[in-house]
Protein backbone atom coordinates (compact mmCIF):
# COMPACT_ATOMS: atom_id res chain seq x y z
CA MET A 1 126.30 93.58 119.39
CA PHE A 2 127.35 96.16 121.97
CA SER A 3 129.74 93.70 123.58
CA LYS A 4 131.55 93.34 120.24
CA ILE A 5 131.66 97.12 119.86
CA SER A 6 133.02 97.43 123.40
CA SER A 7 135.71 94.89 122.61
CA MET A 8 136.76 96.77 119.47
CA LEU A 9 136.79 100.07 121.35
CA GLY A 10 138.91 98.49 124.06
CA GLU A 11 141.39 97.27 121.45
CA ALA A 12 141.47 100.69 119.80
CA THR A 13 142.08 102.33 123.17
CA ASN A 14 144.96 99.93 123.85
CA LEU A 15 146.46 100.74 120.44
CA VAL A 16 146.28 104.48 121.10
CA ARG A 17 147.87 103.98 124.51
CA SER A 18 150.66 101.89 122.97
CA VAL A 19 151.36 104.63 120.43
CA THR A 20 151.27 107.19 123.24
CA ASN A 21 153.81 105.16 125.20
CA VAL A 22 156.17 105.22 122.21
CA THR A 23 155.64 108.79 121.00
CA GLY A 24 154.80 110.50 124.25
CA SER A 25 151.58 112.06 125.37
CA ASN A 26 150.14 114.99 123.48
CA ALA A 27 146.81 116.74 123.12
CA ILE A 28 145.74 114.67 120.10
CA THR A 29 146.45 111.26 121.61
CA ASP A 30 144.95 112.34 124.94
CA ALA A 31 141.77 113.50 123.19
CA ILE A 32 141.52 110.28 121.18
CA ASP A 33 142.13 108.20 124.30
CA ASP A 34 139.47 110.11 126.24
CA GLY A 35 136.98 109.81 123.38
CA LEU A 36 137.53 106.08 122.95
CA SER A 37 137.33 105.50 126.70
CA THR A 38 134.04 107.39 126.89
CA MET A 39 132.59 105.48 123.94
CA LYS A 40 133.67 102.16 125.47
CA TYR A 41 132.10 103.07 128.81
CA ASN A 42 128.84 104.04 127.07
CA SER A 43 128.88 100.85 125.01
CA ASP A 44 129.54 98.72 128.10
CA THR A 45 126.65 100.45 129.89
CA ALA A 46 124.29 99.92 126.94
CA SER A 47 125.30 96.26 126.68
CA SER A 48 124.71 95.74 130.39
CA ASN A 49 121.31 97.45 130.23
CA ILE A 50 120.27 95.37 127.22
CA GLU A 51 121.33 92.12 128.91
CA GLY A 52 119.47 93.12 132.07
CA THR A 53 116.33 93.94 130.11
CA LYS A 54 116.60 90.66 128.23
CA GLY A 55 116.81 88.78 131.53
CA ASN A 56 113.82 90.68 132.91
CA LEU A 57 111.75 89.92 129.81
CA GLU A 58 112.67 86.26 129.99
CA GLY A 59 111.57 86.28 133.63
CA VAL A 60 108.23 87.82 132.67
CA GLY A 61 107.81 85.19 129.96
CA ASP A 62 108.58 82.39 132.41
CA ALA A 63 106.11 83.81 134.93
CA ALA A 64 103.43 84.09 132.24
CA GLY A 65 104.06 80.47 131.28
CA ARG A 66 103.72 79.32 134.89
CA LEU A 67 100.53 81.35 135.28
CA SER A 68 99.13 79.81 132.13
CA ASP A 69 100.03 76.33 133.34
CA SER A 70 98.44 76.93 136.74
CA THR A 71 95.15 78.06 135.18
CA LYS A 72 94.96 74.82 133.17
CA GLU A 73 94.98 72.69 136.32
């Protein structure tokens, strides 16, 4: 989910930057660009943390399965 949000934020940032390139930089476009960039960074970080946690939980599940198998022998 966060990866899709990050992608949309990245596209929105690119759109704002394209408009800025045509119209010139001003306080409004700079503020929007900064806000979108910050939101994308936060979304990327959240996505990375979630994926890392998912991997860790899968590792715990695998270890529990191996432990269970070893106690059956």
